[in-house]
Amino acid sequence: DAFDKQMSALREAYISWHLENHTENRGFFARDRSVFSDEDAETIMIKVVDLFYAENIHLRILPTDTFIASALVRQGVIPCSPISPTTGITVQAVEFYRVARQHNPHFSIQAYVKTMCDLQGVQFRAYLSRQFSIAYDVYLQILTNVNTLVHAAIGRNDPDWRLKHACPACMYTLTGEAPLKFSMLYTKDGNDSLKRVLKQRIGDSDLDDTTAFAHRSCELPTTQFVGGDRYLTRDYIDGFVGDSPVDMLADDNEDNPCAGRWKNMRDEKTKKMWGVFDESGIFMAVCRHGFSLVIADMVQSGEQ
C-alpha cells in the first residue's frame, strides 16, 4: 500500500531516468561515479545489486525528490522497501529478468537470484528472492503506469480499444472486403497449471466448510493488480456468481449429445479438490490466430 501511494512519483522518476539513459548501454556501475556524489545534496547509503556486481554506495536525495524511493528510481535503482530502503536492484537487472521470463515463463525468481549469487560469488539466502520479488513487482507497476500515460497520449485509452484491435486478421476489414458469415472465430478454455494452495491459519485445517476458511488466509492482503483490460478483475467476475448455478448436465437435456461426455461441470467430483486452492487456474479466450482476448483468474472455483 505504501508503494501504491508513491506510484505517481515513482513513475515520473522512472520516466526521468529513462529519458537520460535510454541510449546508455553500460551497466549501472560502469557509469561515472561522480553522478552519485554531490556535496550539497543529502545522500543515503544503499546496497545496490546489479547482475554481476553489488556494492554499498551513497545515492543522492535532491530537494525535488518527493520520496526516498523515487530518488532511488530516478538514479536507476528499484527499492526493496517503500519507507527506509537499505537494498535496491538496478533497473537493468530487473529488466533482464522481465525479458528473459517472457521467453521462458518457467524461469523463476529463485533461479534468477541464485544465478546472480553464483556470478557474484555469494551464498544464496531465501530473503534475497523476497527482496527481488518486491522490486520486480514495483517495476512492473511502474511500467504499467507509464504504458497508461502512453496509451492516453496516442488516443488508445478507450476501455475496449485493445479488445477491438487484438488481432489484425480478425478485427481489421479491408476496403471492398466481402462480409464473412462469421466475422470472428474464437475459443475459450481453462487450465489448472497455475493452481495456488490456500495457506490457512493454524487451527482452521479441520473446517469442512470451504467458504468458512476462504477468508482465513495467513497471507497478507495485497493491493497489486494487473493493469489493462486483458485480465478481468475479481470484482467484475464476482458479479456473475449465482446462488444456484445452472446444471448443464440435468436429466431433462435428452437432446444434448454432449451431456454424457461433459464432466468438468460435475460439482460433486471437484468440490473437495477446489476447496484446497485459493486460485485454481486461469480461463481465457483466444481467437483462431492465437491472440488472447480476455483472461480470468479462477478464484476458489473451477470452470463454472
Protein backbone atom coordinates (compact mmCIF):
# COMPACT_ATOMS: atom_id res chain seq x y z
CA ASP A 1 0.00 0.00 0.00
CA ALA A 2 2.91 2.35 0.69
CA PHE A 3 4.29 1.78 -2.81
CA ASP A 4 0.83 2.49 -4.28
CA LYS A 5 0.72 5.90 -2.61
CA GLN A 6 4.13 6.73 -4.09
CA MET A 7 3.46 5.27 -7.54
CA SER A 8 2.90 8.58 -9.33
CA ALA A 9 6.25 9.88 -8.05
CA LEU A 10 7.96 6.59 -8.93
CA ARG A 11 6.52 6.76 -12.44
CA GLU A 12 7.80 10.31 -13.01
CA ALA A 13 11.22 9.34 -11.59
CA TYR A 14 11.44 6.36 -13.95
CA ILE A 15 10.50 8.49 -16.95
CA SER A 16 13.23 10.98 -15.99
CA TRP A 17 15.81 8.21 -15.63
CA HIS A 18 14.80 6.54 -18.89
CA LEU A 19 14.97 9.85 -20.78
CA GLU A 20 18.55 10.40 -19.64
CA ASN A 21 19.73 6.80 -20.10
CA HIS A 22 17.73 5.34 -23.00
CA THR A 23 20.85 5.36 -25.20
CA GLU A 24 23.18 4.22 -22.41
CA ASN A 25 24.26 0.60 -22.88
CA ARG A 26 26.69 0.43 -19.97
CA GLY A 27 25.80 -1.18 -16.67
CA PHE A 28 24.95 0.74 -13.51
CA PHE A 29 28.44 0.55 -12.01
CA ALA A 30 30.14 1.34 -15.33
CA ARG A 31 28.81 4.89 -15.28
CA ASP A 32 30.71 7.86 -13.95
CA ARG A 33 30.63 7.67 -10.14
CA SER A 34 30.57 11.46 -9.91
CA VAL A 35 26.84 11.40 -10.74
CA PHE A 36 26.23 9.76 -7.37
CA SER A 37 28.10 12.33 -5.31
CA ASP A 38 27.18 15.91 -4.57
CA GLU A 39 28.45 17.80 -1.53
CA ASP A 40 25.34 19.98 -1.42
CA ALA A 41 22.83 17.09 -1.67
CA GLU A 42 21.68 14.72 1.02
CA THR A 43 22.68 11.11 0.48
CA ILE A 44 21.55 7.67 1.60
CA MET A 45 23.62 4.51 1.86
CA ILE A 46 22.09 1.74 -0.26
CA LYS A 47 23.31 -1.71 -1.22
CA VAL A 48 22.84 -1.65 -4.99
CA VAL A 49 22.58 -5.09 -6.60
CA ASP A 50 23.32 -5.48 -10.29
CA LEU A 51 23.55 -8.65 -12.37
CA PHE A 52 27.30 -9.19 -11.92
CA TYR A 53 28.14 -6.91 -9.01
CA ALA A 54 26.78 -5.48 -5.74
CA GLU A 55 28.15 -2.64 -3.64
CA ASN A 56 27.14 -0.24 -0.87
CA ILE A 57 27.13 3.26 -2.33
CA HIS A 58 25.74 6.69 -1.48
CA LEU A 59 22.85 7.85 -3.67
CA ARG A 60 21.70 11.45 -3.79
CA ILE A 61 18.39 12.76 -2.47
CA LEU A 62 17.56 16.07 -4.12
CA PRO A 63 15.15 18.66 -2.68
CA THR A 64 12.87 17.95 -5.65
CA ASP A 65 12.54 14.27 -4.75
CA THR A 66 9.16 13.56 -3.18
CA PHE A 67 10.14 10.25 -1.57
CA ILE A 68 13.32 8.32 -0.89
CA ALA A 69 12.04 5.55 -3.15
CA SER A 70 11.50 7.97 -6.05
CA ALA A 71 15.02 9.37 -5.51
CA LEU A 72 16.43 5.86 -5.99
CA VAL A 73 14.31 5.19 -9.09
CA ARG A 74 15.48 8.49 -10.58
CA GLN A 75 19.03 7.08 -10.39
CA GLY A 76 18.11 3.68 -11.86
CA VAL A 77 17.59 1.67 -8.65
CA ILE A 78 14.33 -0.09 -7.70
CA PRO A 79 14.00 -0.11 -3.88
CA CYS A 80 13.01 -3.24 -1.97
CA SER A 81 11.23 -1.23 0.73
CA PRO A 82 8.96 1.83 0.34
CA ILE A 83 9.89 3.71 3.52
CA SER A 84 13.50 3.10 4.62
CA PRO A 85 15.17 1.04 1.91
CA THR A 86 18.58 -0.49 2.54
CA THR A 87 18.76 -2.57 -0.65
CA GLY A 88 17.88 -1.83 -4.24
CA ILE A 89 18.02 -3.69 -7.55
CA THR A 90 19.21 -1.91 -10.68
CA VAL A 91 16.70 -1.36 -13.47
CA GLN A 92 18.98 -3.27 -15.85
CA ALA A 93 18.95 -6.38 -13.62
CA VAL A 94 15.16 -6.31 -13.23
CA GLU A 95 14.59 -5.63 -16.92
CA PHE A 96 16.89 -8.53 -17.85
CA TYR A 97 14.71 -10.91 -15.82
CA ARG A 98 11.49 -9.47 -17.29
CA VAL A 99 12.66 -10.05 -20.86
CA ALA A 100 14.10 -13.50 -20.06
CA ARG A 101 10.85 -14.61 -18.43
CA GLN A 102 8.86 -13.57 -21.48
CA HIS A 103 10.81 -16.14 -23.48
CA ASN A 104 10.72 -18.78 -20.72
CA PRO A 105 7.77 -18.47 -18.30
CA HIS A 106 9.22 -21.30 -16.17
CA PHE A 107 12.27 -19.15 -15.32
CA SER A 108 11.57 -18.50 -11.64
CA ILE A 109 12.75 -15.63 -9.48
CA GLN A 110 14.62 -18.05 -7.23
CA ALA A 111 16.54 -19.49 -10.18
CA TYR A 112 17.48 -16.00 -11.36
CA VAL A 113 18.58 -14.84 -7.90
CA LYS A 114 20.65 -17.99 -7.45
CA THR A 115 22.29 -17.27 -10.80
CA MET A 116 23.14 -13.74 -9.66
CA CYS A 117 24.59 -15.13 -6.41
CA ASP A 118 26.81 -17.55 -8.32
CA LEU A 119 28.02 -14.79 -10.66
CA GLN A 120 28.86 -12.57 -7.67
CA GLY A 121 30.36 -15.37 -5.56
CA VAL A 122 27.98 -15.03 -2.60
CA GLN A 123 25.85 -17.58 -0.78
CA PHE A 124 22.17 -17.72 -1.67
CA ARG A 125 19.70 -16.78 1.06
CA ALA A 126 15.92 -17.13 0.85
CA TYR A 127 15.35 -13.47 1.74
CA LEU A 128 17.22 -12.42 -1.41
CA SER A 129 14.44 -13.90 -3.54
CA ARG A 130 11.87 -11.99 -1.50
CA GLN A 131 13.76 -8.72 -1.98
CA PHE A 132 13.99 -9.23 -5.71
CA SER A 133 10.30 -10.21 -5.89
CA ILE A 134 9.30 -6.94 -4.21
CA ALA A 135 11.48 -4.88 -6.56
CA TYR A 136 10.17 -6.78 -9.58
CA ASP A 137 6.52 -6.16 -8.63
CA VAL A 138 7.24 -2.45 -8.14
CA TYR A 139 8.99 -2.31 -11.52
CA LEU A 140 6.04 -3.94 -13.30
CA GLN A 141 3.62 -1.50 -11.68
CA ILE A 142 5.79 1.41 -12.81
CA LEU A 143 5.81 0.11 -16.39
CA THR A 144 2.02 -0.34 -16.25
CA ASN A 145 1.58 3.28 -15.16
CA VAL A 146 3.93 4.50 -17.89
CA ASN A 147 2.05 2.50 -20.53
CA THR A 148 -1.21 4.02 -19.32
CA LEU A 149 0.18 7.50 -19.96
CA VAL A 150 1.47 6.50 -23.39
CA HIS A 151 -1.88 5.00 -24.42
CA ALA A 152 -3.70 8.11 -23.27
CA ALA A 153 -1.32 10.32 -25.27
CA ILE A 154 -1.88 8.39 -28.52
CA GLY A 155 -5.63 8.01 -28.05
CA ARG A 156 -5.72 4.37 -27.04
CA ASN A 157 -7.21 4.81 -23.59
CA ASP A 158 -10.69 3.62 -24.53
CA PRO A 159 -11.60 0.65 -22.27
CA ASP A 160 -12.31 -1.60 -25.26
CA TRP A 161 -9.56 -0.37 -27.59
CA ARG A 162 -7.22 -3.33 -27.08
CA LEU A 163 -10.02 -5.89 -27.46
CA LYS A 164 -11.20 -4.24 -30.68
CA HIS A 165 -7.65 -4.36 -32.11
CA ALA A 166 -6.33 -7.56 -30.50
CA CYS A 167 -5.92 -9.43 -33.81
CA PRO A 168 -5.32 -7.62 -37.11
CA ALA A 169 -6.57 -10.57 -39.17
CA CYS A 170 -9.84 -10.84 -37.22
CA MET A 171 -10.55 -7.20 -36.40
CA TYR A 172 -9.38 -5.22 -39.42
CA THR A 173 -11.52 -5.01 -42.55
CA LEU A 174 -10.11 -4.14 -45.97
CA THR A 175 -11.83 -1.76 -48.33
CA GLY A 176 -14.24 -3.71 -50.51
CA GLU A 177 -13.82 -6.92 -48.49
CA ALA A 178 -16.82 -9.24 -48.71
CA PRO A 179 -18.54 -9.79 -45.36
CA LEU A 180 -17.94 -13.18 -43.79
CA LYS A 181 -20.65 -15.41 -42.38
CA PHE A 182 -18.73 -15.43 -39.09
CA SER A 183 -16.69 -12.27 -38.69
CA MET A 184 -14.57 -13.86 -35.98
CA LEU A 185 -13.85 -17.34 -34.64
CA TYR A 186 -12.61 -17.74 -31.07
CA THR A 187 -12.43 -20.37 -28.40
CA LYS A 188 -12.23 -20.35 -24.62
CA ASP A 189 -11.00 -22.89 -22.13
CA GLY A 190 -9.42 -23.22 -18.71
CA ASN A 191 -6.13 -24.55 -17.46
CA ASP A 192 -5.22 -25.65 -13.96
CA SER A 193 -1.44 -25.30 -14.26
CA LEU A 194 -1.48 -22.09 -12.20
CA LYS A 195 -3.09 -23.54 -9.09
CA ARG A 196 -2.17 -21.92 -5.78
CA VAL A 197 -2.84 -23.62 -2.45
CA LEU A 198 -4.65 -21.61 0.19
CA LYS A 199 -2.37 -21.03 3.18
CA GLN A 200 -4.64 -21.37 6.18
CA ARG A 201 -4.24 -20.13 9.70
CA ILE A 202 -3.30 -22.64 12.37
CA GLY A 203 -6.41 -24.42 13.65
CA ASP A 204 -8.50 -23.90 10.53
CA SER A 205 -7.48 -27.11 8.76
CA ASP A 206 -10.30 -29.09 10.39
CA LEU A 207 -13.04 -26.87 8.99
CA ASP A 208 -15.29 -28.62 6.49
CA ASP A 209 -16.96 -25.56 5.04
CA THR A 210 -14.61 -24.23 2.36
CA THR A 211 -16.35 -20.87 2.34
CA ALA A 212 -15.71 -20.53 6.07
CA PHE A 213 -11.94 -20.65 5.87
CA ALA A 214 -11.67 -18.98 2.48
CA HIS A 215 -11.29 -15.66 4.31
CA ARG A 216 -8.86 -17.04 6.90
CA SER A 217 -5.71 -16.97 4.81
CA CYS A 218 -2.48 -16.40 6.70
CA GLU A 219 -1.12 -14.33 3.80
CA LEU A 220 -1.20 -10.55 3.95
CA PRO A 221 -3.69 -8.91 1.57
CA THR A 222 -2.21 -7.22 -1.48
CA THR A 223 -3.31 -4.17 -3.40
CA GLN A 224 -1.41 -5.15 -6.55
CA PHE A 225 -3.33 -5.54 -9.76
CA VAL A 226 -2.72 -6.23 -13.42
CA GLY A 227 -3.37 -3.14 -15.49
CA GLY A 228 -5.26 -3.01 -18.75
CA ASP A 229 -8.41 -4.83 -19.81
CA ARG A 230 -6.89 -8.18 -20.75
CA TYR A 231 -7.25 -9.61 -17.23
CA LEU A 232 -10.79 -9.43 -15.84
CA THR A 233 -10.90 -8.18 -12.25
CA ARG A 234 -12.23 -10.29 -9.40
CA ASP A 235 -14.98 -7.80 -8.67
CA TYR A 236 -16.19 -7.97 -12.26
CA ILE A 237 -16.24 -11.77 -12.26
CA ASP A 238 -17.95 -11.93 -8.85
CA GLY A 239 -20.86 -10.04 -10.38
CA PHE A 240 -21.79 -13.18 -12.33
CA VAL A 241 -21.78 -15.50 -9.32
CA GLY A 242 -25.20 -17.05 -8.69
CA ASP A 243 -26.56 -18.87 -5.69
CA SER A 244 -27.81 -21.71 -7.86
CA PRO A 245 -25.68 -22.23 -10.97
CA VAL A 246 -27.38 -23.77 -13.96
CA ASP A 247 -26.95 -27.54 -14.15
CA MET A 248 -25.79 -28.16 -17.71
CA LEU A 249 -25.99 -31.92 -17.13
CA ALA A 250 -29.60 -32.07 -15.97
CA ASP A 251 -31.53 -35.20 -16.90
CA ASP A 252 -34.09 -33.25 -18.92
CA ASN A 253 -31.47 -32.45 -21.58
CA GLU A 254 -32.24 -35.58 -23.56
CA ASP A 255 -31.49 -33.88 -26.87
CA ASN A 256 -27.99 -32.82 -25.78
CA PRO A 257 -25.43 -35.26 -27.26
CA CYS A 258 -22.64 -33.77 -25.16
CA ALA A 259 -24.32 -34.38 -21.80
CA GLY A 260 -22.78 -37.80 -21.37
CA ARG A 261 -19.27 -36.58 -22.18
CA TRP A 262 -19.20 -33.23 -20.36
CA LYS A 263 -17.63 -33.97 -16.99
CA ASN A 264 -15.86 -30.81 -15.85
CA MET A 265 -19.14 -29.35 -14.56
CA ARG A 266 -19.73 -32.15 -12.04
CA ASP A 267 -19.52 -30.19 -8.81
CA GLU A 268 -19.62 -33.27 -6.60
CA LYS A 269 -16.42 -34.55 -8.22
CA THR A 270 -14.43 -31.34 -7.98
CA LYS A 271 -15.74 -29.53 -4.90
CA LYS A 272 -13.28 -31.11 -2.47
CA MET A 273 -10.30 -30.55 -4.74
CA TRP A 274 -11.11 -26.88 -5.46
CA GLY A 275 -11.55 -26.26 -1.74
CA VAL A 276 -7.82 -26.77 -1.21
CA PHE A 277 -6.87 -24.00 -3.62
CA ASP A 278 -7.32 -20.26 -3.40
CA GLU A 279 -6.65 -19.97 -7.14
CA SER A 280 -7.36 -22.99 -9.32
CA GLY A 281 -6.03 -21.74 -12.66
CA ILE A 282 -6.96 -19.35 -15.45
CA PHE A 283 -9.75 -19.28 -18.02
CA MET A 284 -9.00 -17.45 -21.23
CA ALA A 285 -10.40 -16.72 -24.67
CA VAL A 286 -8.24 -16.65 -27.81
CA CYS A 287 -9.01 -16.03 -31.46
CA ARG A 288 -8.21 -18.54 -34.18
CA HIS A 289 -4.84 -16.86 -34.76
CA GLY A 290 -3.72 -17.33 -31.16
CA PHE A 291 -4.15 -13.77 -29.85
CA SER A 292 -5.50 -13.65 -26.30
CA LEU A 293 -8.73 -11.68 -25.88
CA VAL A 294 -9.59 -11.85 -22.18
CA ILE A 295 -8.22 -13.82 -19.22
CA ALA A 296 -9.99 -14.63 -15.96
CA ASP A 297 -8.40 -15.90 -12.76
CA MET A 298 -10.42 -18.80 -11.31
CA VAL A 299 -10.59 -17.96 -7.61
CA GLN A 300 -11.93 -20.62 -5.21
CA SER A 301 -13.79 -22.32 -8.06
CA GLY A 302 -13.32 -24.36 -11.19
CA GLU A 303 -14.79 -23.96 -14.66
CA GLN A 304 -18.39 -22.98 -13.98
